[in-house]
Amino acid sequence: MTGHLGAGPERTLLSDAAVVTGPAMTHRVWRTPTHALVLGPAADNGPYGYLTHLQLSLTPLSCAPGLPPAADEKALEAWITAHIDW
């Protein structure tokens, strides 16, 4: 994503059980003028619930205009959780 968008992620957050089950992995958030892109782990939700996959989520900024302040990790965790699984 960084190579394609030409800049590093605006925010990163190490996942925990509140965001997704499975091993801790990093969520990365980029924003374009019209969308927020989140790359991070996603639960399998299938018969093998212990599997974790990487998922790229695209959220129109009209649905999620702002990111919480950088120092507020719990608010960023809630924002990511609300916008990665529609």
PDB file of N, CA and C in Angstrom:
ATOM      1  N   MET A   1       0.827  -1.185   0.000  1.00  0.00           N
ATOM      2  CA  MET A   1       0.000   0.000   0.000  1.00  0.00           C
ATOM      3  C   MET A   1       0.872   1.249   0.000  1.00  0.00           C
ATOM      4  N   THR A   2       1.928   1.239   0.809  1.00  0.00           N
ATOM      5  CA  THR A   2       2.792   2.411   0.879  1.00  0.00           C
ATOM      6  C   THR A   2       3.359   2.759  -0.491  1.00  0.00           C
ATOM      7  N   GLY A   3       3.814   1.748  -1.223  1.00  0.00           N
ATOM      8  CA  GLY A   3       4.345   1.980  -2.556  1.00  0.00           C
ATOM      9  C   GLY A   3       3.297   2.511  -3.516  1.00  0.00           C
ATOM     10  N   HIS A   4       2.101   2.001  -3.430  1.00  0.00           N
ATOM     11  CA  HIS A   4       1.026   2.413  -4.329  1.00  0.00           C
ATOM     12  C   HIS A   4       0.527   3.820  -4.001  1.00  0.00           C
ATOM     13  N   LEU A   5       0.375   4.117  -2.700  1.00  0.00           N
ATOM     14  CA  LEU A   5      -0.165   5.414  -2.290  1.00  0.00           C
ATOM     15  C   LEU A   5       0.906   6.499  -2.190  1.00  0.00           C
ATOM     16  N   GLY A   6       2.173   6.084  -2.140  1.00  0.00           N
ATOM     17  CA  GLY A   6       3.251   7.052  -2.111  1.00  0.00           C
ATOM     18  C   GLY A   6       3.564   7.622  -0.739  1.00  0.00           C
ATOM     19  N   ALA A   7       2.987   7.048   0.309  1.00  0.00           N
ATOM     20  CA  ALA A   7       3.256   7.504   1.679  1.00  0.00           C
ATOM     21  C   ALA A   7       2.985   6.361   2.633  1.00  0.00           C
ATOM     22  N   GLY A   8       3.630   6.420   3.774  1.00  0.00           N
ATOM     23  CA  GLY A   8       3.409   5.401   4.792  1.00  0.00           C
ATOM     24  C   GLY A   8       2.042   5.559   5.433  1.00  0.00           C
ATOM     25  N   PRO A   9       1.655   4.590   6.243  1.00  0.00           N
ATOM     26  CA  PRO A   9       0.352   4.667   6.900  1.00  0.00           C
ATOM     27  C   PRO A   9       0.277   5.867   7.840  1.00  0.00           C
ATOM     28  N   GLU A  10      -0.920   6.430   7.936  1.00  0.00           N
ATOM     29  CA  GLU A  10      -1.137   7.562   8.839  1.00  0.00           C
ATOM     30  C   GLU A  10      -1.123   7.103  10.287  1.00  0.00           C
ATOM     31  N   ARG A  11      -1.628   5.900  10.534  1.00  0.00           N
ATOM     32  CA  ARG A  11      -1.648   5.344  11.885  1.00  0.00           C
ATOM     33  C   ARG A  11      -1.343   3.861  11.836  1.00  0.00           C
ATOM     34  N   THR A  12      -0.783   3.353  12.912  1.00  0.00           N
ATOM     35  CA  THR A  12      -0.599   1.918  13.098  1.00  0.00           C
ATOM     36  C   THR A  12      -1.078   1.573  14.501  1.00  0.00           C
ATOM     37  N   LEU A  13      -1.568   0.354  14.655  1.00  0.00           N
ATOM     38  CA  LEU A  13      -2.060  -0.109  15.937  1.00  0.00           C
ATOM     39  C   LEU A  13      -1.840  -1.609  16.016  1.00  0.00           C
ATOM     40  N   LEU A  14      -1.210  -2.054  17.070  1.00  0.00           N
ATOM     41  CA  LEU A  14      -1.042  -3.484  17.293  1.00  0.00           C
ATOM     42  C   LEU A  14      -2.379  -4.033  17.772  1.00  0.00           C
ATOM     43  N   SER A  15      -2.899  -5.034  17.060  1.00  0.00           N
ATOM     44  CA  SER A  15      -4.212  -5.584  17.411  1.00  0.00           C
ATOM     45  C   SER A  15      -4.138  -6.337  18.727  1.00  0.00           C
ATOM     46  N   ASP A  16      -5.274  -6.478  19.353  1.00  0.00           N
ATOM     47  CA  ASP A  16      -5.398  -7.342  20.520  1.00  0.00           C
ATOM     48  C   ASP A  16      -6.734  -8.058  20.396  1.00  0.00           C
ATOM     49  N   ALA A  17      -7.105  -8.805  21.402  1.00  0.00           N
ATOM     50  CA  ALA A  17      -8.326  -9.616  21.346  1.00  0.00           C
ATOM     51  C   ALA A  17      -9.574  -8.767  21.154  1.00  0.00           C
ATOM     52  N   ALA A  18      -9.535  -7.482  21.528  1.00  0.00           N
ATOM     53  CA  ALA A  18     -10.703  -6.619  21.341  1.00  0.00           C
ATOM     54  C   ALA A  18     -10.927  -6.284  19.879  1.00  0.00           C
ATOM     55  N   VAL A  19      -9.871  -6.324  19.079  1.00  0.00           N
ATOM     56  CA  VAL A  19      -9.988  -5.994  17.660  1.00  0.00           C
ATOM     57  C   VAL A  19     -10.214  -7.248  16.828  1.00  0.00           C
ATOM     58  N   VAL A  20      -9.412  -8.281  17.056  1.00  0.00           N
ATOM     59  CA  VAL A  20      -9.550  -9.530  16.308  1.00  0.00           C
ATOM     60  C   VAL A  20      -8.908 -10.648  17.120  1.00  0.00           C
ATOM     61  N   THR A  21      -9.490 -11.832  17.041  1.00  0.00           N
ATOM     62  CA  THR A  21      -8.894 -12.973  17.732  1.00  0.00           C
ATOM     63  C   THR A  21      -7.673 -13.441  16.966  1.00  0.00           C
ATOM     64  N   GLY A  22      -6.792 -14.118  17.635  1.00  0.00           N
ATOM     65  CA  GLY A  22      -5.591 -14.625  16.989  1.00  0.00           C
ATOM     66  C   GLY A  22      -4.366 -13.877  17.458  1.00  0.00           C
ATOM     67  N   PRO A  23      -3.235 -14.131  16.808  1.00  0.00           N
ATOM     68  CA  PRO A  23      -1.996 -13.484  17.250  1.00  0.00           C
ATOM     69  C   PRO A  23      -2.040 -11.975  17.015  1.00  0.00           C
ATOM     70  N   ALA A  24      -1.329 -11.248  17.848  1.00  0.00           N
ATOM     71  CA  ALA A  24      -1.253  -9.794  17.678  1.00  0.00           C
ATOM     72  C   ALA A  24      -0.552  -9.474  16.360  1.00  0.00           C
ATOM     73  N   MET A  25      -1.179  -8.657  15.555  1.00  0.00           N
ATOM     74  CA  MET A  25      -0.625  -8.208  14.278  1.00  0.00           C
ATOM     75  C   MET A  25      -0.929  -6.725  14.150  1.00  0.00           C
ATOM     76  N   THR A  26      -0.258  -6.069  13.249  1.00  0.00           N
ATOM     77  CA  THR A  26      -0.411  -4.618  13.122  1.00  0.00           C
ATOM     78  C   THR A  26      -1.505  -4.253  12.131  1.00  0.00           C
ATOM     79  N   HIS A  27      -2.397  -3.346  12.566  1.00  0.00           N
ATOM     80  CA  HIS A  27      -3.333  -2.681  11.661  1.00  0.00           C
ATOM     81  C   HIS A  27      -2.635  -1.422  11.166  1.00  0.00           C
ATOM     82  N   ARG A  28      -2.779  -1.132   9.894  1.00  0.00           N
ATOM     83  CA  ARG A  28      -2.226   0.089   9.316  1.00  0.00           C
ATOM     84  C   ARG A  28      -3.361   0.848   8.647  1.00  0.00           C
ATOM     85  N   VAL A  29      -3.395   2.168   8.847  1.00  0.00           N
ATOM     86  CA  VAL A  29      -4.471   2.998   8.305  1.00  0.00           C
ATOM     87  C   VAL A  29      -3.874   4.066   7.392  1.00  0.00           C
ATOM     88  N   TRP A  30      -4.348   4.093   6.150  1.00  0.00           N
ATOM     89  CA  TRP A  30      -4.004   5.136   5.190  1.00  0.00           C
ATOM     90  C   TRP A  30      -5.286   5.880   4.851  1.00  0.00           C
ATOM     91  N   ARG A  31      -5.163   7.128   4.456  1.00  0.00           N
ATOM     92  CA  ARG A  31      -6.323   7.865   3.962  1.00  0.00           C
ATOM     93  C   ARG A  31      -5.982   8.525   2.634  1.00  0.00           C
ATOM     94  N   THR A  32      -6.928   8.439   1.737  1.00  0.00           N
ATOM     95  CA  THR A  32      -6.853   9.148   0.464  1.00  0.00           C
ATOM     96  C   THR A  32      -7.836  10.320   0.597  1.00  0.00           C
ATOM     97  N   PRO A  33      -7.978  11.144  -0.390  1.00  0.00           N
ATOM     98  CA  PRO A  33      -8.953  12.239  -0.273  1.00  0.00           C
ATOM     99  C   PRO A  33     -10.395  11.754  -0.073  1.00  0.00           C
ATOM    100  N   THR A  34     -10.699  10.527  -0.485  1.00  0.00           N
ATOM    101  CA  THR A  34     -12.087  10.065  -0.408  1.00  0.00           C
ATOM    102  C   THR A  34     -12.319   8.835   0.464  1.00  0.00           C
ATOM    103  N   HIS A  35     -11.259   8.091   0.811  1.00  0.00           N
ATOM    104  CA  HIS A  35     -11.434   6.832   1.523  1.00  0.00           C
ATOM    105  C   HIS A  35     -10.379   6.628   2.605  1.00  0.00           C
ATOM    106  N   ALA A  36     -10.736   5.803   3.581  1.00  0.00           N
ATOM    107  CA  ALA A  36      -9.775   5.296   4.552  1.00  0.00           C
ATOM    108  C   ALA A  36      -9.520   3.837   4.191  1.00  0.00           C
ATOM    109  N   LEU A  37      -8.262   3.436   4.181  1.00  0.00           N
ATOM    110  CA  LEU A  37      -7.891   2.049   3.903  1.00  0.00           C
ATOM    111  C   LEU A  37      -7.260   1.477   5.154  1.00  0.00           C
ATOM    112  N   VAL A  38      -7.742   0.323   5.576  1.00  0.00           N
ATOM    113  CA  VAL A  38      -7.212  -0.341   6.764  1.00  0.00           C
ATOM    114  C   VAL A  38      -6.715  -1.714   6.344  1.00  0.00           C
ATOM    115  N   LEU A  39      -5.444  -1.989   6.601  1.00  0.00           N
ATOM    116  CA  LEU A  39      -4.861  -3.293   6.335  1.00  0.00           C
ATOM    117  C   LEU A  39      -4.515  -3.907   7.682  1.00  0.00           C
ATOM    118  N   GLY A  40      -5.115  -5.049   7.967  1.00  0.00           N
ATOM    119  CA  GLY A  40      -4.845  -5.683   9.251  1.00  0.00           C
ATOM    120  C   GLY A  40      -5.449  -7.068   9.321  1.00  0.00           C
ATOM    121  N   PRO A  41      -5.296  -7.709  10.460  1.00  0.00           N
ATOM    122  CA  PRO A  41      -5.790  -9.066  10.620  1.00  0.00           C
ATOM    123  C   PRO A  41      -7.317  -9.110  10.662  1.00  0.00           C
ATOM    124  N   ALA A  42      -7.850 -10.217  10.207  1.00  0.00           N
ATOM    125  CA  ALA A  42      -9.293 -10.459  10.267  1.00  0.00           C
ATOM    126  C   ALA A  42      -9.492 -11.913  10.673  1.00  0.00           C
ATOM    127  N   ALA A  43     -10.451 -12.146  11.533  1.00  0.00           N
ATOM    128  CA  ALA A  43     -10.730 -13.506  11.995  1.00  0.00           C
ATOM    129  C   ALA A  43     -11.279 -14.347  10.860  1.00  0.00           C
ATOM    130  N   ASP A  44     -11.042 -15.646  10.921  1.00  0.00           N
ATOM    131  CA  ASP A  44     -11.499 -16.580   9.904  1.00  0.00           C
ATOM    132  C   ASP A  44     -13.024 -16.696   9.907  1.00  0.00           C
ATOM    133  N   ASN A  45     -13.641 -16.737  11.070  1.00  0.00           N
ATOM    134  CA  ASN A  45     -15.097 -16.881  11.233  1.00  0.00           C
ATOM    135  C   ASN A  45     -15.656 -18.109  10.529  1.00  0.00           C
ATOM    136  N   GLY A  46     -14.842 -19.064  10.326  1.00  0.00           N
ATOM    137  CA  GLY A  46     -15.295 -20.290   9.676  1.00  0.00           C
ATOM    138  C   GLY A  46     -15.082 -21.469  10.592  1.00  0.00           C
ATOM    139  N   PRO A  47     -15.080 -22.657  10.053  1.00  0.00           N
ATOM    140  CA  PRO A  47     -14.917 -23.838  10.897  1.00  0.00           C
ATOM    141  C   PRO A  47     -13.546 -23.894  11.564  1.00  0.00           C
ATOM    142  N   TYR A  48     -12.589 -23.163  11.009  1.00  0.00           N
ATOM    143  CA  TYR A  48     -11.247 -23.118  11.582  1.00  0.00           C
ATOM    144  C   TYR A  48     -11.031 -21.745  12.204  1.00  0.00           C
ATOM    145  N   GLY A  49     -11.763 -21.402  13.224  1.00  0.00           N
ATOM    146  CA  GLY A  49     -11.780 -20.076  13.816  1.00  0.00           C
ATOM    147  C   GLY A  49     -10.455 -19.595  14.346  1.00  0.00           C
ATOM    148  N   TYR A  50      -9.469 -20.453  14.397  1.00  0.00           N
ATOM    149  CA  TYR A  50      -8.168 -20.041  14.903  1.00  0.00           C
ATOM    150  C   TYR A  50      -7.304 -19.407  13.817  1.00  0.00           C
ATOM    151  N   LEU A  51      -7.750 -19.408  12.572  1.00  0.00           N
ATOM    152  CA  LEU A  51      -6.963 -18.826  11.487  1.00  0.00           C
ATOM    153  C   LEU A  51      -7.135 -17.310  11.464  1.00  0.00           C
ATOM    154  N   THR A  52      -6.095 -16.613  11.123  1.00  0.00           N
ATOM    155  CA  THR A  52      -6.137 -15.167  10.973  1.00  0.00           C
ATOM    156  C   THR A  52      -5.649 -14.821   9.576  1.00  0.00           C
ATOM    157  N   HIS A  53      -6.347 -13.930   8.924  1.00  0.00           N
ATOM    158  CA  HIS A  53      -6.009 -13.501   7.573  1.00  0.00           C
ATOM    159  C   HIS A  53      -5.770 -12.001   7.572  1.00  0.00           C
ATOM    160  N   LEU A  54      -5.017 -11.522   6.613  1.00  0.00           N
ATOM    161  CA  LEU A  54      -4.912 -10.083   6.420  1.00  0.00           C
ATOM    162  C   LEU A  54      -6.064  -9.643   5.536  1.00  0.00           C
ATOM    163  N   GLN A  55      -6.630  -8.511   5.856  1.00  0.00           N
ATOM    164  CA  GLN A  55      -7.783  -7.987   5.131  1.00  0.00           C
ATOM    165  C   GLN A  55      -7.535  -6.519   4.810  1.00  0.00           C
ATOM    166  N   LEU A  56      -7.877  -6.101   3.610  1.00  0.00           N
ATOM    167  CA  LEU A  56      -7.823  -4.701   3.234  1.00  0.00           C
ATOM    168  C   LEU A  56      -9.258  -4.194   3.206  1.00  0.00           C
ATOM    169  N   SER A  57      -9.557  -3.224   4.060  1.00  0.00           N
ATOM    170  CA  SER A  57     -10.898  -2.649   4.129  1.00  0.00           C
ATOM    171  C   SER A  57     -10.856  -1.237   3.577  1.00  0.00           C
ATOM    172  N   LEU A  58     -11.878  -0.896   2.831  1.00  0.00           N
ATOM    173  CA  LEU A  58     -11.996   0.422   2.213  1.00  0.00           C
ATOM    174  C   LEU A  58     -13.263   1.072   2.749  1.00  0.00           C
ATOM    175  N   THR A  59     -13.120   2.201   3.420  1.00  0.00           N
ATOM    176  CA  THR A  59     -14.261   2.895   4.016  1.00  0.00           C
ATOM    177  C   THR A  59     -14.365   4.289   3.414  1.00  0.00           C
ATOM    178  N   PRO A  60     -15.504   4.646   2.821  1.00  0.00           N
ATOM    179  CA  PRO A  60     -15.657   6.025   2.338  1.00  0.00           C
ATOM    180  C   PRO A  60     -15.544   6.991   3.516  1.00  0.00           C
ATOM    181  N   LEU A  61     -14.844   8.086   3.327  1.00  0.00           N
ATOM    182  CA  LEU A  61     -14.687   9.034   4.421  1.00  0.00           C
ATOM    183  C   LEU A  61     -16.000   9.695   4.816  1.00  0.00           C
ATOM    184  N   SER A  62     -16.991   9.634   3.943  1.00  0.00           N
ATOM    185  CA  SER A  62     -18.303  10.162   4.338  1.00  0.00           C
ATOM    186  C   SER A  62     -18.907   9.320   5.465  1.00  0.00           C
ATOM    187  N   CYS A  63     -18.471   8.061   5.605  1.00  0.00           N
ATOM    188  CA  CYS A  63     -18.943   7.181   6.686  1.00  0.00           C
ATOM    189  C   CYS A  63     -18.033   7.267   7.921  1.00  0.00           C
ATOM    190  N   ALA A  64     -16.817   7.689   7.734  1.00  0.00           N
ATOM    191  CA  ALA A  64     -15.840   7.725   8.828  1.00  0.00           C
ATOM    192  C   ALA A  64     -14.878   8.881   8.592  1.00  0.00           C
ATOM    193  N   PRO A  65     -15.344  10.110   8.753  1.00  0.00           N
ATOM    194  CA  PRO A  65     -14.550  11.260   8.339  1.00  0.00           C
ATOM    195  C   PRO A  65     -13.250  11.472   9.096  1.00  0.00           C
ATOM    196  N   GLY A  66     -13.211  11.190  10.380  1.00  0.00           N
ATOM    197  CA  GLY A  66     -12.004  11.510  11.119  1.00  0.00           C
ATOM    198  C   GLY A  66     -11.464  10.350  11.909  1.00  0.00           C
ATOM    199  N   LEU A  67     -10.162  10.353  12.081  1.00  0.00           N
ATOM    200  CA  LEU A  67      -9.531   9.372  12.959  1.00  0.00           C
ATOM    201  C   LEU A  67      -9.401  10.000  14.341  1.00  0.00           C
ATOM    202  N   PRO A  68      -9.476   9.189  15.384  1.00  0.00           N
ATOM    203  CA  PRO A  68      -9.276   9.721  16.728  1.00  0.00           C
ATOM    204  C   PRO A  68      -7.853  10.251  16.884  1.00  0.00           C
ATOM    205  N   PRO A  69      -7.617  11.063  17.907  1.00  0.00           N
ATOM    206  CA  PRO A  69      -6.259  11.568  18.146  1.00  0.00           C
ATOM    207  C   PRO A  69      -5.260  10.423  18.287  1.00  0.00           C
ATOM    208  N   ALA A  70      -4.029  10.676  17.859  1.00  0.00           N
ATOM    209  CA  ALA A  70      -2.994   9.640  17.856  1.00  0.00           C
ATOM    210  C   ALA A  70      -2.742   9.057  19.241  1.00  0.00           C
ATOM    211  N   ALA A  71      -2.871   9.841  20.279  1.00  0.00           N
ATOM    212  CA  ALA A  71      -2.578   9.355  21.632  1.00  0.00           C
ATOM    213  C   ALA A  71      -3.687   8.472  22.203  1.00  0.00           C
ATOM    214  N   ASP A  72      -4.843   8.437  21.565  1.00  0.00           N
ATOM    215  CA  ASP A  72      -5.985   7.685  22.102  1.00  0.00           C
ATOM    216  C   ASP A  72      -6.113   6.337  21.394  1.00  0.00           C
ATOM    217  N   GLU A  73      -5.325   5.347  21.846  1.00  0.00           N
ATOM    218  CA  GLU A  73      -5.317   4.037  21.194  1.00  0.00           C
ATOM    219  C   GLU A  73      -6.652   3.322  21.317  1.00  0.00           C
ATOM    220  N   LYS A  74      -7.350   3.463  22.435  1.00  0.00           N
ATOM    221  CA  LYS A  74      -8.649   2.797  22.602  1.00  0.00           C
ATOM    222  C   LYS A  74      -9.666   3.342  21.603  1.00  0.00           C
ATOM    223  N   ALA A  75      -9.660   4.649  21.382  1.00  0.00           N
ATOM    224  CA  ALA A  75     -10.582   5.236  20.399  1.00  0.00           C
ATOM    225  C   ALA A  75     -10.228   4.785  18.988  1.00  0.00           C
ATOM    226  N   LEU A  76      -8.926   4.684  18.675  1.00  0.00           N
ATOM    227  CA  LEU A  76      -8.517   4.194  17.355  1.00  0.00           C
ATOM    228  C   LEU A  76      -8.912   2.737  17.189  1.00  0.00           C
ATOM    229  N   GLU A  77      -8.761   1.946  18.241  1.00  0.00           N
ATOM    230  CA  GLU A  77      -9.184   0.544  18.212  1.00  0.00           C
ATOM    231  C   GLU A  77     -10.683   0.444  17.920  1.00  0.00           C
ATOM    232  N   ALA A  78     -11.491   1.276  18.568  1.00  0.00           N
ATOM    233  CA  ALA A  78     -12.939   1.272  18.333  1.00  0.00           C
ATOM    234  C   ALA A  78     -13.264   1.709  16.905  1.00  0.00           C
ATOM    235  N   TRP A  79     -12.537   2.703  16.396  1.00  0.00           N
ATOM    236  CA  TRP A  79     -12.761   3.185  15.030  1.00  0.00           C
ATOM    237  C   TRP A  79     -12.466   2.073  14.034  1.00  0.00           C
ATOM    238  N   ILE A  80     -11.332   1.397  14.197  1.00  0.00           N
ATOM    239  CA  ILE A  80     -10.960   0.301  13.299  1.00  0.00           C
ATOM    240  C   ILE A  80     -11.992  -0.820  13.369  1.00  0.00           C
ATOM    241  N   THR A  81     -12.376  -1.214  14.574  1.00  0.00           N
ATOM    242  CA  THR A  81     -13.356  -2.285  14.744  1.00  0.00           C
ATOM    243  C   THR A  81     -14.681  -1.932  14.046  1.00  0.00           C
ATOM    244  N   ALA A  82     -15.091  -0.697  14.138  1.00  0.00           N
ATOM    245  CA  ALA A  82     -16.365  -0.277  13.529  1.00  0.00           C
ATOM    246  C   ALA A  82     -16.302  -0.234  12.009  1.00  0.00           C
ATOM    247  N   HIS A  83     -15.100  -0.127  11.432  1.00  0.00           N
ATOM    248  CA  HIS A  83     -15.016   0.090   9.993  1.00  0.00           C
ATOM    249  C   HIS A  83     -14.344  -1.014   9.200  1.00  0.00           C
ATOM    250  N   ILE A  84     -13.932  -2.115   9.842  1.00  0.00           N
ATOM    251  CA  ILE A  84     -13.298  -3.176   9.060  1.00  0.00           C
ATOM    252  C   ILE A  84     -14.247  -4.325   8.747  1.00  0.00           C
ATOM    253  N   ASP A  85     -15.360  -4.406   9.447  1.00  0.00           N
ATOM    254  CA  ASP A  85     -16.258  -5.542   9.247  1.00  0.00           C
ATOM    255  C   ASP A  85     -17.683  -5.028   9.120  1.00  0.00           C
ATOM    256  N   TRP A  86     -18.111  -4.806   7.873  1.00  0.00           N
ATOM    257  CA  TRP A  86     -19.423  -4.215   7.638  1.00  0.00           C
ATOM    258  C   TRP A  86     -20.449  -5.279   7.633  1.00  0.00           C
TER     259      TRP A  86
END
